[in-house]
Amino acid sequence: MRIDAAIDAFVRQLTVDRGLSEQTARAYRGDLVDLAAFAEEAGVTEAEAIDLELLRDWQWHVSDRLAKSSLARRTAAVRGFTAWLARTGAAAGDAGARLRAPKSDKHLPRVLDRSQLDVLFARLEGRAAGDDPVAIRDLAIVELLYASAIRVSELVGLELGDVDRTRLMVRVLGKGGKERVVPFGVPAARALDRYLGAGRPALLRDGIDALLLDTLFLGARGAPLTARTVYQLVASLLADLPGSGPAGPHTFRHTAATHLLDGGADLRAVQELLGHASLATTQIYTHVSAERLKAAYATAHPRA
């Protein structure tokens, strides 16, 4: 089987059998297409001809243009691909079983403090004070991201029926198709009520596909909101705030989790809220809290 055909079959298996999202499947395909291009330059076009030496050559070839975290992700994709080749009989053995990637550098996630949140929400509320439906929507988006700590992919996938405005709960579809119900607070409820009453109706276009009418958050032209739009919104909001690290929607997820733990929330409750399969993933926020405590100690203690 040719490598490109094998990649197509592997990606189909990811979406059909394992239930991965289209976004995740596209990421896998992108990583494997890079390997296929390198293999073709080396004269290898058949999947069964992929061996460990080729994979290590590819890994070395891309290492100078990829961060450690990106290289680790691509290596994981390749290992999954070669394991699938061996399992399905498309290759005699698993060429990637012994392929190793450098450990990615561990960076603590960016977390906003309370004063930064106050500035940010004041800015959003000022924009939404008029009748601009996009500004009204943007306030509801950020309020919900911080209140519920959901992922951007979960946010843009929400439908009207997913929001329980009486119980202040929202039902989200997380990674691997796992569903969970998470709470949100009164400020987010107020922002959502205003968006649903004044913002969303103004964004709807005449003649829009009836199948899209259930989508909760809409773009400026009435189509379903995209993750790219949310990233652009958050990046613009965080641009003027002190702090380093990524400036995407995950910042609000990190911030919410850290503030919950700072406030005494149980780690397992935060794990359930975030939809983490492993408690170890949630524990990164205990490290963030510890770093914040150390910083406060260094600033305030006379003998620090």
Protein backbone atom coordinates (compact mmCIF):
# COMPACT_ATOMS: atom_id res chain seq x y z
CA MET A 1 0.00 0.00 0.00
CA ARG A 2 1.29 3.44 -0.89
CA ILE A 3 2.06 5.71 2.05
CA ASP A 4 -0.48 8.35 0.99
CA ALA A 5 -3.24 5.74 0.71
CA ALA A 6 -2.26 4.29 4.08
CA ILE A 7 -2.48 7.75 5.66
CA ASP A 8 -6.00 8.19 4.25
CA ALA A 9 -7.08 4.85 5.69
CA PHE A 10 -5.47 5.56 9.06
CA VAL A 11 -7.15 8.97 9.40
CA ARG A 12 -10.53 7.44 8.48
CA GLN A 13 -10.02 4.88 11.23
CA LEU A 14 -9.30 7.66 13.72
CA THR A 15 -12.58 9.43 13.02
CA VAL A 16 -14.84 6.38 12.53
CA ASP A 17 -13.55 3.86 15.06
CA ARG A 18 -11.98 6.08 17.70
CA GLY A 19 -14.38 8.99 17.37
CA LEU A 20 -11.72 11.69 17.18
CA SER A 21 -12.81 15.13 16.03
CA GLU A 22 -12.21 16.32 12.48
CA GLN A 23 -9.79 18.93 13.85
CA THR A 24 -7.68 16.26 15.57
CA ALA A 25 -7.78 14.05 12.48
CA ARG A 26 -6.58 16.96 10.33
CA ALA A 27 -3.69 17.49 12.73
CA TYR A 28 -2.71 13.81 12.42
CA ARG A 29 -2.91 14.02 8.64
CA GLY A 30 -0.73 17.12 8.54
CA ASP A 31 1.97 15.45 10.63
CA LEU A 32 1.93 12.30 8.51
CA VAL A 33 1.90 14.13 5.19
CA ASP A 34 5.17 15.74 6.27
CA LEU A 35 6.63 12.26 6.83
CA ALA A 36 5.30 11.06 3.46
CA ALA A 37 6.97 13.96 1.65
CA PHE A 38 10.29 13.21 3.35
CA ALA A 39 9.97 9.50 2.57
CA GLU A 40 9.25 10.22 -1.09
CA GLU A 41 12.38 12.34 -1.35
CA ALA A 42 14.27 9.37 0.07
CA GLY A 43 12.73 7.12 -2.58
CA VAL A 44 10.28 5.39 -0.26
CA THR A 45 6.64 5.41 -1.41
CA GLU A 46 5.31 2.12 0.01
CA ALA A 47 4.16 1.88 3.62
CA GLU A 48 5.81 -1.49 4.13
CA ALA A 49 9.20 0.05 3.26
CA ILE A 50 9.14 2.48 6.21
CA ASP A 51 11.82 1.47 8.70
CA LEU A 52 13.32 2.89 11.90
CA GLU A 53 16.30 4.40 10.09
CA LEU A 54 14.01 6.40 7.79
CA LEU A 55 11.95 7.58 10.76
CA ARG A 56 15.03 8.70 12.67
CA ASP A 57 16.33 10.54 9.59
CA TRP A 58 12.97 12.29 9.27
CA GLN A 59 13.00 13.18 12.96
CA TRP A 60 16.48 14.69 12.69
CA HIS A 61 15.48 16.53 9.50
CA VAL A 62 12.54 18.33 11.15
CA SER A 63 14.14 18.86 14.58
CA ASP A 64 15.83 22.12 13.59
CA ARG A 65 12.54 23.79 12.61
CA LEU A 66 10.21 22.43 15.29
CA ALA A 67 9.88 23.14 18.98
CA LYS A 68 10.33 20.13 21.24
CA SER A 69 6.62 20.01 21.94
CA SER A 70 5.78 19.99 18.21
CA LEU A 71 8.37 17.31 17.52
CA ALA A 72 6.98 15.18 20.34
CA ARG A 73 3.46 15.54 18.90
CA ARG A 74 4.58 14.57 15.40
CA THR A 75 6.54 11.62 16.72
CA ALA A 76 3.46 10.41 18.60
CA ALA A 77 1.41 10.66 15.38
CA VAL A 78 4.01 8.66 13.46
CA ARG A 79 4.19 6.01 16.18
CA GLY A 80 0.42 5.65 16.08
CA PHE A 81 0.55 5.33 12.30
CA THR A 82 3.28 2.65 12.24
CA ALA A 83 1.53 0.69 15.00
CA TRP A 84 -1.64 0.74 12.89
CA LEU A 85 0.32 -0.43 9.82
CA ALA A 86 1.63 -3.42 11.76
CA ARG A 87 -1.74 -4.19 13.33
CA THR A 88 -3.55 -4.21 9.99
CA GLY A 89 -0.86 -6.18 8.17
CA ALA A 90 0.11 -3.27 5.90
CA ALA A 91 3.65 -3.62 7.25
CA ALA A 92 5.55 -6.62 8.57
CA GLY A 93 6.43 -4.92 11.85
CA ASP A 94 6.07 -1.71 13.81
CA ALA A 95 8.93 0.47 12.57
CA GLY A 96 8.16 3.27 15.03
CA ALA A 97 8.02 1.16 18.20
CA ARG A 98 11.54 2.27 19.18
CA LEU A 99 11.23 5.84 17.93
CA ARG A 100 11.73 8.35 20.72
CA ALA A 101 11.20 12.09 20.83
CA PRO A 102 12.87 14.59 23.15
CA LYS A 103 10.78 15.48 26.15
CA SER A 104 8.98 18.75 25.62
CA ASP A 105 9.88 21.70 27.78
CA LYS A 106 7.33 22.15 30.54
CA HIS A 107 5.98 25.67 30.87
CA LEU A 108 3.41 26.76 33.39
CA PRO A 109 0.27 28.02 31.66
CA ARG A 110 -0.53 31.72 31.57
CA VAL A 111 -2.92 32.78 34.32
CA LEU A 112 -4.60 36.16 34.70
CA ASP A 113 -4.94 37.72 38.15
CA ARG A 114 -8.12 39.26 39.49
CA SER A 115 -7.14 42.82 38.62
CA GLN A 116 -6.39 41.84 35.02
CA LEU A 117 -9.76 40.14 34.77
CA ASP A 118 -11.45 43.27 36.13
CA VAL A 119 -9.77 45.38 33.43
CA LEU A 120 -10.66 42.89 30.72
CA PHE A 121 -14.33 42.55 31.67
CA ALA A 122 -14.69 46.29 32.12
CA ARG A 123 -13.42 46.73 28.56
CA LEU A 124 -15.85 44.14 27.22
CA GLU A 125 -18.78 45.60 29.15
CA GLY A 126 -17.95 49.05 27.80
CA ARG A 127 -18.02 47.76 24.22
CA ALA A 128 -21.29 45.93 24.86
CA ALA A 129 -22.97 48.97 26.42
CA GLY A 130 -24.38 49.95 23.02
CA ASP A 131 -26.35 47.91 20.55
CA ASP A 132 -23.46 46.23 18.70
CA PRO A 133 -24.46 42.53 18.55
CA VAL A 134 -20.85 41.39 18.08
CA ALA A 135 -19.76 43.22 21.24
CA ILE A 136 -22.70 41.71 23.15
CA ARG A 137 -21.70 38.27 21.85
CA ASP A 138 -18.03 38.77 22.74
CA LEU A 139 -18.86 39.58 26.35
CA ALA A 140 -20.99 36.41 26.60
CA ILE A 141 -18.19 34.32 25.06
CA VAL A 142 -15.50 35.46 27.48
CA GLU A 143 -17.82 35.29 30.49
CA LEU A 144 -18.69 31.68 29.62
CA LEU A 145 -15.09 30.68 28.88
CA TYR A 146 -13.95 31.89 32.30
CA ALA A 147 -17.05 30.80 34.20
CA SER A 148 -17.14 27.22 32.93
CA ALA A 149 -13.48 26.61 31.93
CA ILE A 150 -14.58 24.92 28.70
CA ARG A 151 -12.34 24.49 25.65
CA VAL A 152 -12.78 26.72 22.60
CA SER A 153 -13.79 23.67 20.54
CA GLU A 154 -16.50 22.94 23.10
CA LEU A 155 -17.66 26.55 23.07
CA VAL A 156 -18.12 26.82 19.30
CA GLY A 157 -19.93 23.47 19.27
CA LEU A 158 -22.62 24.57 21.72
CA GLU A 159 -26.27 24.60 20.67
CA LEU A 160 -29.16 26.48 22.22
CA GLY A 161 -30.46 23.38 23.98
CA ASP A 162 -27.11 22.82 25.70
CA VAL A 163 -27.59 25.83 27.97
CA ASP A 164 -29.81 25.40 31.02
CA ARG A 165 -30.45 29.00 32.04
CA THR A 166 -32.57 27.94 35.03
CA ARG A 167 -29.98 25.68 36.67
CA LEU A 168 -26.99 27.68 35.31
CA MET A 169 -25.46 24.61 33.68
CA VAL A 170 -24.11 23.94 30.21
CA ARG A 171 -23.71 20.57 28.49
CA VAL A 172 -20.53 20.24 26.42
CA LEU A 173 -19.10 17.55 24.15
CA GLY A 174 -15.43 17.15 25.02
CA LYS A 175 -12.49 15.23 23.64
CA GLY A 176 -13.25 11.73 22.42
CA GLY A 177 -16.96 12.53 22.26
CA LYS A 178 -17.27 12.53 26.06
CA GLU A 179 -20.16 14.59 27.35
CA ARG A 180 -20.15 16.48 30.63
CA VAL A 181 -22.27 19.13 32.34
CA VAL A 182 -20.55 22.11 33.96
CA PRO A 183 -21.86 25.10 35.92
CA PHE A 184 -21.52 28.80 35.17
CA GLY A 185 -22.12 31.84 37.34
CA VAL A 186 -24.55 34.75 37.47
CA PRO A 187 -22.41 37.25 35.48
CA ALA A 188 -22.14 34.72 32.66
CA ALA A 189 -25.89 34.07 32.87
CA ARG A 190 -26.62 37.80 32.54
CA ALA A 191 -24.30 38.10 29.54
CA LEU A 192 -25.87 35.05 27.90
CA ASP A 193 -29.40 36.34 28.50
CA ARG A 194 -28.54 39.63 26.85
CA TYR A 195 -26.85 37.89 23.93
CA LEU A 196 -29.79 35.56 23.39
CA GLY A 197 -32.28 38.40 23.68
CA ALA A 198 -30.55 41.11 21.65
CA GLY A 199 -27.23 39.95 20.19
CA ARG A 200 -27.97 36.63 18.56
CA PRO A 201 -31.22 37.65 16.80
CA ALA A 202 -29.39 40.56 15.19
CA LEU A 203 -26.67 38.25 13.88
CA LEU A 204 -29.10 35.85 12.20
CA ARG A 205 -29.36 36.33 8.46
CA ASP A 206 -32.44 35.84 6.32
CA GLY A 207 -32.36 32.50 4.54
CA ILE A 208 -29.78 30.91 6.82
CA ASP A 209 -29.77 27.12 6.75
CA ALA A 210 -32.36 25.89 9.25
CA LEU A 211 -29.86 23.32 10.50
CA LEU A 212 -27.69 26.15 11.78
CA LEU A 213 -30.41 27.88 13.74
CA ASP A 214 -29.62 25.82 16.86
CA THR A 215 -26.00 27.01 17.00
CA LEU A 216 -25.52 29.11 20.12
CA PHE A 217 -22.74 31.47 19.06
CA LEU A 218 -22.86 33.04 15.62
CA GLY A 219 -20.33 34.96 13.57
CA ALA A 220 -20.77 38.52 12.37
CA ARG A 221 -22.52 37.28 9.21
CA GLY A 222 -24.85 34.84 10.90
CA ALA A 223 -22.87 31.65 10.28
CA PRO A 224 -21.69 29.45 13.16
CA LEU A 225 -18.83 30.99 15.10
CA THR A 226 -15.37 29.57 14.35
CA ALA A 227 -12.53 28.84 16.76
CA ARG A 228 -10.32 31.21 14.74
CA THR A 229 -12.64 34.12 15.54
CA VAL A 230 -12.49 33.31 19.26
CA TYR A 231 -8.68 33.12 19.12
CA GLN A 232 -8.56 36.53 17.43
CA LEU A 233 -10.89 38.01 20.02
CA VAL A 234 -8.91 36.70 22.98
CA ALA A 235 -5.54 37.66 21.46
CA SER A 236 -6.74 41.25 21.04
CA LEU A 237 -7.97 41.36 24.65
CA LEU A 238 -4.75 39.97 26.12
CA ALA A 239 -2.36 41.97 23.94
CA ASP A 240 -2.13 44.92 26.36
CA LEU A 241 -2.14 42.90 29.59
CA PRO A 242 1.12 42.05 31.36
CA GLY A 243 2.22 38.44 31.22
CA SER A 244 3.92 35.98 28.93
CA GLY A 245 2.84 32.78 27.25
CA PRO A 246 0.14 31.90 24.72
CA ALA A 247 -2.66 34.44 24.30
CA GLY A 248 -5.49 32.12 23.32
CA PRO A 249 -8.85 31.05 24.78
CA HIS A 250 -7.11 28.39 26.90
CA THR A 251 -5.86 31.25 29.07
CA PHE A 252 -9.35 31.54 30.56
CA ARG A 253 -9.49 27.78 31.14
CA HIS A 254 -6.12 27.89 32.91
CA THR A 255 -7.17 30.96 34.89
CA ALA A 256 -10.49 29.47 36.01
CA ALA A 257 -8.86 26.21 37.15
CA THR A 258 -6.14 28.04 39.07
CA HIS A 259 -8.59 30.41 40.75
CA LEU A 260 -10.77 27.46 41.78
CA LEU A 261 -7.82 25.70 43.42
CA ASP A 262 -6.66 28.95 45.02
CA GLY A 263 -10.16 29.24 46.47
CA GLY A 264 -10.03 25.77 48.01
CA ALA A 265 -11.80 23.66 45.39
CA ASP A 266 -11.11 19.93 45.45
CA LEU A 267 -8.64 18.76 42.80
CA ARG A 268 -10.92 15.95 41.62
CA ALA A 269 -13.84 18.34 41.29
CA VAL A 270 -11.68 20.58 39.09
CA GLN A 271 -10.65 17.51 37.08
CA GLU A 272 -14.31 16.72 36.42
CA LEU A 273 -15.07 20.33 35.52
CA LEU A 274 -12.22 20.44 33.00
CA GLY A 275 -13.00 17.03 31.55
CA HIS A 276 -9.49 15.67 32.10
CA ALA A 277 -9.14 11.92 31.74
CA SER A 278 -6.15 11.88 34.10
CA LEU A 279 -5.76 13.63 37.44
CA ALA A 280 -2.10 14.18 36.55
CA THR A 281 -3.17 16.61 33.82
CA THR A 282 -5.16 18.66 36.33
CA GLN A 283 -2.24 18.74 38.78
CA ILE A 284 -0.41 21.26 36.61
CA TYR A 285 -2.69 23.86 38.20
CA THR A 286 -1.47 22.95 41.67
CA HIS A 287 2.01 23.87 40.41
CA VAL A 288 0.65 27.17 39.15
CA SER A 289 -0.90 27.86 42.55
CA ALA A 290 2.38 27.00 44.26
CA GLU A 291 4.30 29.37 42.00
CA ARG A 292 1.80 32.14 42.72
CA LEU A 293 2.22 31.49 46.46
CA LYS A 294 6.01 31.66 46.14
CA ALA A 295 5.78 34.92 44.22
CA ALA A 296 3.48 36.43 46.86
CA TYR A 297 5.82 35.23 49.61
CA ALA A 298 8.86 36.73 47.91
CA THR A 299 7.07 40.05 47.54
CA ALA A 300 5.49 40.32 50.98
CA HIS A 301 7.63 38.44 53.52
CA PRO A 302 10.31 40.57 55.19
CA ARG A 303 12.72 37.62 55.37
CA ALA A 304 12.05 36.20 51.93
